[in-house]
């Protein structure tokens, strides 16, 4: 009885070694090759159904709004402007509070001087 029941027909044949060929038949100089195949690939953009998104800082950010909404950049610009207006509003409220305090102080000083003046006139009137 033969030990090799199936023979060598299931043994894979060795493939012949491949010849080393260029991966690209484009002949570029060093600057063009660095620009084309270098590490600076720029932002990754994707367009789906009229919406364009860009991959920035680990997040997909919508560039153009196809659904009638504002783009992410417009929203960020409006949020920044809203923040600036809010800070300006807080500053103006603080200035108004300071001016009201100064007015109250000036009124109190004026009232004090008026009462002192009335008392002095009353004393001068008694001496005459």
N, C-alpha and C. Protein backbone atom coordinates (compact mmCIF):
# COMPACT_ATOMS: atom_id res chain seq x y z
N UNK A 1 0.84 -1.16 0.00
CA UNK A 1 0.00 0.00 0.00
C UNK A 1 0.90 1.24 0.00
N UNK A 2 0.63 2.18 -0.89
CA UNK A 2 1.50 3.35 -0.95
C UNK A 2 1.21 4.31 0.19
N UNK A 3 2.25 4.91 0.74
CA UNK A 3 2.11 5.87 1.82
C UNK A 3 1.56 7.21 1.32
N UNK A 4 1.93 7.56 0.16
CA UNK A 4 1.45 8.81 -0.40
C UNK A 4 0.22 8.49 -1.23
N UNK A 5 -0.93 8.63 -0.63
CA UNK A 5 -2.17 8.23 -1.26
C UNK A 5 -2.55 9.15 -2.41
N UNK A 6 -2.36 10.45 -2.25
CA UNK A 6 -2.81 11.38 -3.27
C UNK A 6 -1.71 11.79 -4.23
N UNK A 7 -0.52 11.53 -3.94
CA UNK A 7 0.57 11.90 -4.82
C UNK A 7 0.96 13.36 -4.64
N UNK A 8 1.65 13.90 -5.59
CA UNK A 8 2.14 15.27 -5.52
C UNK A 8 1.24 16.27 -6.24
N UNK A 9 0.08 15.85 -6.68
CA UNK A 9 -0.73 16.77 -7.44
C UNK A 9 -1.31 17.90 -6.58
N UNK A 10 -1.36 17.78 -5.24
CA UNK A 10 -1.82 18.86 -4.37
C UNK A 10 -0.67 19.72 -3.84
N UNK A 11 0.54 19.39 -4.16
CA UNK A 11 1.68 20.19 -3.73
C UNK A 11 1.79 21.43 -4.61
N UNK A 12 1.85 22.59 -3.99
CA UNK A 12 1.93 23.80 -4.81
C UNK A 12 3.30 23.91 -5.47
N UNK A 13 3.28 24.44 -6.68
CA UNK A 13 4.53 24.65 -7.39
C UNK A 13 5.09 26.01 -6.99
N UNK A 14 6.36 26.12 -7.00
CA UNK A 14 7.00 27.38 -6.67
C UNK A 14 6.82 28.34 -7.84
N UNK A 15 6.48 29.58 -7.49
CA UNK A 15 6.32 30.59 -8.54
C UNK A 15 7.67 31.16 -8.88
N UNK A 16 7.86 31.50 -10.14
CA UNK A 16 9.15 32.08 -10.52
C UNK A 16 9.28 33.49 -9.94
N UNK A 17 10.48 33.92 -9.58
CA UNK A 17 10.65 35.28 -9.02
C UNK A 17 10.30 36.34 -10.07
N UNK A 18 9.70 37.43 -9.57
CA UNK A 18 9.30 38.52 -10.45
C UNK A 18 10.49 39.42 -10.74
N UNK A 19 10.41 40.03 -11.89
CA UNK A 19 11.46 40.98 -12.23
C UNK A 19 11.14 42.31 -11.56
N UNK A 20 12.14 42.99 -11.08
CA UNK A 20 11.95 44.30 -10.45
C UNK A 20 11.63 45.31 -11.53
N UNK A 21 10.46 45.92 -11.43
CA UNK A 21 10.06 46.94 -12.39
C UNK A 21 9.68 48.20 -11.64
N UNK A 22 9.70 49.28 -12.34
CA UNK A 22 9.31 50.55 -11.76
C UNK A 22 7.83 50.52 -11.47
N UNK A 23 7.43 51.13 -10.35
CA UNK A 23 6.02 51.17 -10.01
C UNK A 23 5.28 52.20 -10.86
N UNK A 24 5.98 53.11 -11.41
CA UNK A 24 5.35 54.15 -12.21
C UNK A 24 6.17 54.37 -13.47
N UNK A 25 5.47 54.56 -14.56
CA UNK A 25 6.19 54.84 -15.79
C UNK A 25 6.29 56.34 -16.04
N UNK A 26 5.88 57.15 -15.04
CA UNK A 26 5.97 58.60 -15.15
C UNK A 26 7.38 59.01 -14.76
N UNK A 27 7.98 59.81 -15.60
CA UNK A 27 9.33 60.27 -15.28
C UNK A 27 9.22 61.71 -14.77
N UNK A 28 9.44 61.87 -13.47
CA UNK A 28 9.37 63.18 -12.82
C UNK A 28 10.73 63.52 -12.25
N UNK A 29 11.02 64.82 -12.22
CA UNK A 29 12.26 65.22 -11.56
C UNK A 29 12.03 65.19 -10.04
N UNK A 30 13.06 65.44 -9.27
CA UNK A 30 12.99 65.28 -7.81
C UNK A 30 11.96 66.21 -7.18
N UNK A 31 11.89 67.47 -7.61
CA UNK A 31 10.94 68.42 -7.04
C UNK A 31 9.50 68.03 -7.34
N UNK A 32 9.25 67.64 -8.58
CA UNK A 32 7.90 67.23 -8.95
C UNK A 32 7.49 65.95 -8.21
N UNK A 33 8.41 65.01 -8.07
CA UNK A 33 8.11 63.77 -7.37
C UNK A 33 7.82 64.04 -5.90
N UNK A 34 8.60 64.93 -5.27
CA UNK A 34 8.38 65.27 -3.86
C UNK A 34 7.02 65.94 -3.69
N UNK A 35 6.67 66.83 -4.63
CA UNK A 35 5.38 67.51 -4.55
C UNK A 35 4.22 66.54 -4.76
N UNK A 36 4.40 65.62 -5.71
CA UNK A 36 3.33 64.69 -6.04
C UNK A 36 3.18 63.58 -5.00
N UNK A 37 4.28 63.02 -4.55
CA UNK A 37 4.23 61.85 -3.67
C UNK A 37 4.73 62.13 -2.26
N UNK A 38 4.97 63.39 -1.91
CA UNK A 38 5.53 63.75 -0.60
C UNK A 38 4.50 63.64 0.51
N UNK A 39 4.94 63.91 1.75
CA UNK A 39 4.04 63.76 2.91
C UNK A 39 3.01 64.87 3.03
N UNK A 40 3.17 66.00 2.34
CA UNK A 40 2.21 67.10 2.42
C UNK A 40 1.09 66.89 1.41
N UNK A 41 0.08 66.17 1.84
CA UNK A 41 -1.00 65.84 0.90
C UNK A 41 -2.14 66.85 0.97
N UNK A 42 -2.14 67.71 1.99
CA UNK A 42 -3.19 68.71 2.12
C UNK A 42 -4.42 68.13 2.80
N UNK A 43 -5.47 68.93 2.90
CA UNK A 43 -6.68 68.46 3.59
C UNK A 43 -7.42 67.41 2.77
N UNK A 44 -8.07 66.48 3.48
CA UNK A 44 -8.86 65.45 2.84
C UNK A 44 -10.28 65.97 2.69
N UNK A 45 -10.76 66.00 1.44
CA UNK A 45 -12.11 66.51 1.18
C UNK A 45 -12.93 65.40 0.55
N UNK A 46 -14.24 65.44 0.83
CA UNK A 46 -15.16 64.43 0.33
C UNK A 46 -16.45 65.12 -0.05
N UNK A 47 -17.00 64.76 -1.21
CA UNK A 47 -18.25 65.35 -1.66
C UNK A 47 -19.28 64.23 -1.81
N UNK A 48 -20.39 64.38 -1.07
CA UNK A 48 -21.47 63.40 -1.12
C UNK A 48 -22.79 64.13 -1.28
N UNK A 49 -23.48 63.89 -2.34
CA UNK A 49 -24.82 64.44 -2.53
C UNK A 49 -24.91 65.94 -2.41
N UNK A 50 -23.97 66.64 -2.95
CA UNK A 50 -24.01 68.10 -2.90
C UNK A 50 -23.41 68.69 -1.64
N UNK A 51 -23.07 67.88 -0.68
CA UNK A 51 -22.42 68.35 0.55
C UNK A 51 -20.94 68.03 0.48
N UNK A 52 -20.13 69.00 0.81
CA UNK A 52 -18.69 68.80 0.82
C UNK A 52 -18.20 68.87 2.26
N UNK A 53 -17.46 67.85 2.68
CA UNK A 53 -16.91 67.82 4.03
C UNK A 53 -15.39 67.72 3.94
N UNK A 54 -14.73 68.23 4.97
CA UNK A 54 -13.28 68.23 5.03
C UNK A 54 -12.86 67.65 6.38
N UNK A 55 -11.81 66.85 6.39
CA UNK A 55 -11.32 66.24 7.62
C UNK A 55 -10.28 67.14 8.24
N UNK A 56 -10.61 67.75 9.40
CA UNK A 56 -9.71 68.64 10.12
C UNK A 56 -9.70 68.28 11.60
N UNK A 57 -8.51 68.14 12.16
CA UNK A 57 -8.33 67.90 13.59
C UNK A 57 -9.15 66.72 14.09
N UNK A 58 -9.22 65.66 13.31
CA UNK A 58 -9.91 64.45 13.74
C UNK A 58 -11.42 64.51 13.61
N UNK A 59 -11.95 65.52 12.94
CA UNK A 59 -13.40 65.65 12.77
C UNK A 59 -13.73 65.96 11.32
N UNK A 60 -14.88 65.48 10.86
CA UNK A 60 -15.36 65.84 9.54
C UNK A 60 -16.15 67.13 9.68
N UNK A 61 -15.75 68.15 8.94
CA UNK A 61 -16.37 69.47 9.03
C UNK A 61 -17.03 69.76 7.69
N UNK A 62 -18.31 70.17 7.75
CA UNK A 62 -19.05 70.45 6.54
C UNK A 62 -18.60 71.77 5.93
N UNK A 63 -18.23 71.73 4.65
CA UNK A 63 -17.76 72.93 3.95
C UNK A 63 -18.93 73.66 3.29
N UNK A 64 -19.76 72.94 2.57
CA UNK A 64 -20.89 73.56 1.89
C UNK A 64 -22.17 72.90 2.34
N UNK A 65 -23.19 73.68 2.49
CA UNK A 65 -24.48 73.15 2.93
C UNK A 65 -25.40 72.92 1.75
N UNK A 66 -25.73 71.67 1.48
CA UNK A 66 -26.64 71.37 0.38
C UNK A 66 -28.08 71.36 0.84
N UNK A 67 -28.31 71.26 2.13
CA UNK A 67 -29.67 71.19 2.65
C UNK A 67 -30.23 72.54 3.03
N UNK A 68 -29.63 73.62 2.59
CA UNK A 68 -30.14 74.94 2.92
C UNK A 68 -29.58 75.50 4.20
N UNK A 69 -28.79 74.73 4.94
CA UNK A 69 -28.21 75.20 6.20
C UNK A 69 -26.89 75.90 5.96
N UNK A 70 -26.37 76.50 6.99
CA UNK A 70 -25.09 77.19 6.90
C UNK A 70 -23.96 76.18 7.01
N UNK A 71 -22.84 76.50 6.38
CA UNK A 71 -21.69 75.61 6.47
C UNK A 71 -21.05 75.73 7.85
N UNK A 72 -20.18 74.79 8.14
CA UNK A 72 -19.53 74.76 9.46
C UNK A 72 -18.69 76.02 9.66
N UNK A 73 -18.00 76.47 8.62
CA UNK A 73 -17.17 77.67 8.76
C UNK A 73 -18.03 78.89 9.05
N UNK A 74 -19.20 78.98 8.40
CA UNK A 74 -20.09 80.11 8.67
C UNK A 74 -20.60 80.06 10.10
N UNK A 75 -20.93 78.85 10.57
CA UNK A 75 -21.41 78.69 11.94
C UNK A 75 -20.32 79.09 12.93
N UNK A 76 -19.09 78.65 12.69
CA UNK A 76 -17.98 78.99 13.58
C UNK A 76 -17.73 80.49 13.57
N UNK A 77 -17.83 81.13 12.40
CA UNK A 77 -17.65 82.58 12.30
C UNK A 77 -18.73 83.30 13.09
N UNK A 78 -19.98 82.85 12.97
CA UNK A 78 -21.08 83.47 13.70
C UNK A 78 -20.95 83.26 15.20
N UNK A 79 -20.49 82.09 15.62
CA UNK A 79 -20.28 81.84 17.04
C UNK A 79 -19.20 82.76 17.61
N UNK A 80 -18.12 82.93 16.85
CA UNK A 80 -17.03 83.81 17.30
C UNK A 80 -17.53 85.25 17.40
N UNK A 81 -18.29 85.69 16.39
CA UNK A 81 -18.83 87.04 16.41
C UNK A 81 -19.81 87.21 17.58
N UNK A 82 -20.62 86.19 17.83
CA UNK A 82 -21.56 86.22 18.95
C UNK A 82 -20.81 86.33 20.27
N UNK A 83 -19.71 85.61 20.41
CA UNK A 83 -18.89 85.67 21.63
C UNK A 83 -18.33 87.07 21.82
N UNK A 84 -17.84 87.68 20.74
CA UNK A 84 -17.28 89.03 20.83
C UNK A 84 -18.35 90.04 21.22
N UNK A 85 -19.54 89.92 20.64
CA UNK A 85 -20.63 90.85 20.96
C UNK A 85 -21.06 90.66 22.42
N UNK A 86 -21.08 89.41 22.89
CA UNK A 86 -21.45 89.14 24.27
C UNK A 86 -20.43 89.76 25.24
N UNK A 87 -19.14 89.63 24.91
CA UNK A 87 -18.10 90.22 25.76
C UNK A 87 -18.21 91.75 25.76
N UNK A 88 -18.48 92.33 24.59
CA UNK A 88 -18.63 93.78 24.51
C UNK A 88 -19.85 94.23 25.32
N UNK A 89 -20.93 93.46 25.26
CA UNK A 89 -22.13 93.77 26.02
C UNK A 89 -21.84 93.74 27.52
N UNK A 90 -21.10 92.73 27.98
CA UNK A 90 -20.74 92.64 29.40
C UNK A 90 -19.88 93.82 29.82
N UNK A 91 -18.95 94.24 28.95
CA UNK A 91 -18.10 95.39 29.26
C UNK A 91 -18.94 96.67 29.37
N UNK A 92 -19.88 96.83 28.46
CA UNK A 92 -20.73 98.03 28.51
C UNK A 92 -21.61 98.03 29.76
N UNK A 93 -22.11 96.87 30.17
CA UNK A 93 -22.90 96.79 31.41
C UNK A 93 -22.05 97.18 32.60
N UNK A 94 -20.80 96.72 32.62
CA UNK A 94 -19.89 97.07 33.71
C UNK A 94 -19.63 98.58 33.73
N UNK A 95 -19.44 99.18 32.56
CA UNK A 95 -19.21 100.62 32.50
C UNK A 95 -20.43 101.39 33.00
N UNK A 96 -21.63 100.92 32.64
CA UNK A 96 -22.86 101.58 33.12
C UNK A 96 -22.95 101.50 34.63
N UNK A 97 -22.64 100.34 35.20
CA UNK A 97 -22.66 100.19 36.66
C UNK A 97 -21.66 101.15 37.33
N UNK A 98 -20.49 101.27 36.74
CA UNK A 98 -19.48 102.18 37.30
C UNK A 98 -19.97 103.62 37.22
N UNK A 99 -20.54 104.00 36.08
CA UNK A 99 -21.05 105.37 35.94
C UNK A 99 -22.20 105.66 36.91
N UNK A 100 -23.07 104.67 37.13
CA UNK A 100 -24.16 104.86 38.09
C UNK A 100 -23.61 105.02 39.51
N UNK A 101 -22.57 104.25 39.85
CA UNK A 101 -21.95 104.40 41.16
C UNK A 101 -21.31 105.78 41.31
N UNK A 102 -20.64 106.25 40.25
CA UNK A 102 -20.03 107.58 40.30
C UNK A 102 -21.10 108.66 40.43
N UNK A 103 -22.23 108.49 39.73
CA UNK A 103 -23.32 109.46 39.83
C UNK A 103 -23.92 109.46 41.23
N UNK A 104 -24.09 108.29 41.80
CA UNK A 104 -24.63 108.21 43.17
C UNK A 104 -23.68 108.88 44.16
N UNK A 105 -22.38 108.66 43.99
CA UNK A 105 -21.40 109.28 44.88
C UNK A 105 -21.42 110.80 44.72
N UNK A 106 -21.46 111.28 43.48
CA UNK A 106 -21.49 112.73 43.25
C UNK A 106 -22.77 113.34 43.81
N UNK A 107 -23.88 112.64 43.69
CA UNK A 107 -25.15 113.14 44.24
C UNK A 107 -25.09 113.20 45.77
N UNK A 108 -24.50 112.18 46.38
CA UNK A 108 -24.39 112.16 47.83
C UNK A 108 -23.50 113.30 48.32
N UNK A 109 -22.38 113.54 47.65
CA UNK A 109 -21.48 114.62 48.02
C UNK A 109 -22.18 115.96 47.85
N UNK A 110 -22.89 116.12 46.75
CA UNK A 110 -23.62 117.37 46.51
C UNK A 110 -24.69 117.59 47.58
N UNK A 111 -25.43 116.55 47.92
CA UNK A 111 -26.46 116.67 48.96
C UNK A 111 -25.82 117.03 50.31
N UNK A 112 -24.68 116.41 50.61
CA UNK A 112 -23.96 116.72 51.86
C UNK A 112 -23.54 118.19 51.89
N UNK A 113 -22.98 118.69 50.77
CA UNK A 113 -22.56 120.09 50.72
C UNK A 113 -23.76 121.04 50.84
N UNK A 114 -24.86 120.68 50.24
CA UNK A 114 -26.06 121.52 50.34
C UNK A 114 -26.54 121.61 51.79
N UNK A 115 -26.56 120.46 52.47
CA UNK A 115 -27.01 120.49 53.87
C UNK A 115 -26.02 121.27 54.74
N UNK A 116 -24.73 121.14 54.50
CA UNK A 116 -23.73 121.91 55.24
C UNK A 116 -23.92 123.41 55.00
N UNK A 117 -24.16 123.76 53.73
CA UNK A 117 -24.36 125.16 53.38
C UNK A 117 -25.61 125.72 54.07
N UNK A 118 -26.67 124.94 54.12
CA UNK A 118 -27.89 125.38 54.80
C UNK A 118 -27.64 125.58 56.30
N UNK A 119 -26.87 124.65 56.90
CA UNK A 119 -26.56 124.78 58.32
C UNK A 119 -25.71 126.02 58.59
N UNK A 120 -24.72 126.28 57.74
CA UNK A 120 -23.88 127.46 57.92
C UNK A 120 -24.69 128.74 57.76
N UNK A 121 -25.59 128.78 56.78
CA UNK A 121 -26.43 129.96 56.61
C UNK A 121 -27.34 130.17 57.81
N UNK A 122 -27.81 129.05 58.33
CA UNK A 122 -28.67 129.16 59.51
C UNK A 122 -27.87 129.70 60.70
N UNK A 123 -26.62 129.26 60.87
CA UNK A 123 -25.78 129.76 61.96
C UNK A 123 -25.44 131.23 61.76
N UNK A 124 -25.15 131.63 60.54
CA UNK A 124 -24.82 133.03 60.28
C UNK A 124 -26.06 133.89 60.49
N UNK A 125 -27.23 133.41 60.15
CA UNK A 125 -28.46 134.16 60.36
C UNK A 125 -28.78 134.34 61.83
N UNK A 126 -28.43 133.37 62.68
CA UNK A 126 -28.67 133.46 64.12
C UNK A 126 -27.74 134.47 64.76
N UNK A 127 -26.52 134.61 64.24
CA UNK A 127 -25.54 135.54 64.82
C UNK A 127 -25.90 136.98 64.48
N UNK A 128 -26.61 137.24 63.48
CA UNK A 128 -26.93 138.62 63.11
C UNK A 128 -28.10 139.08 63.86
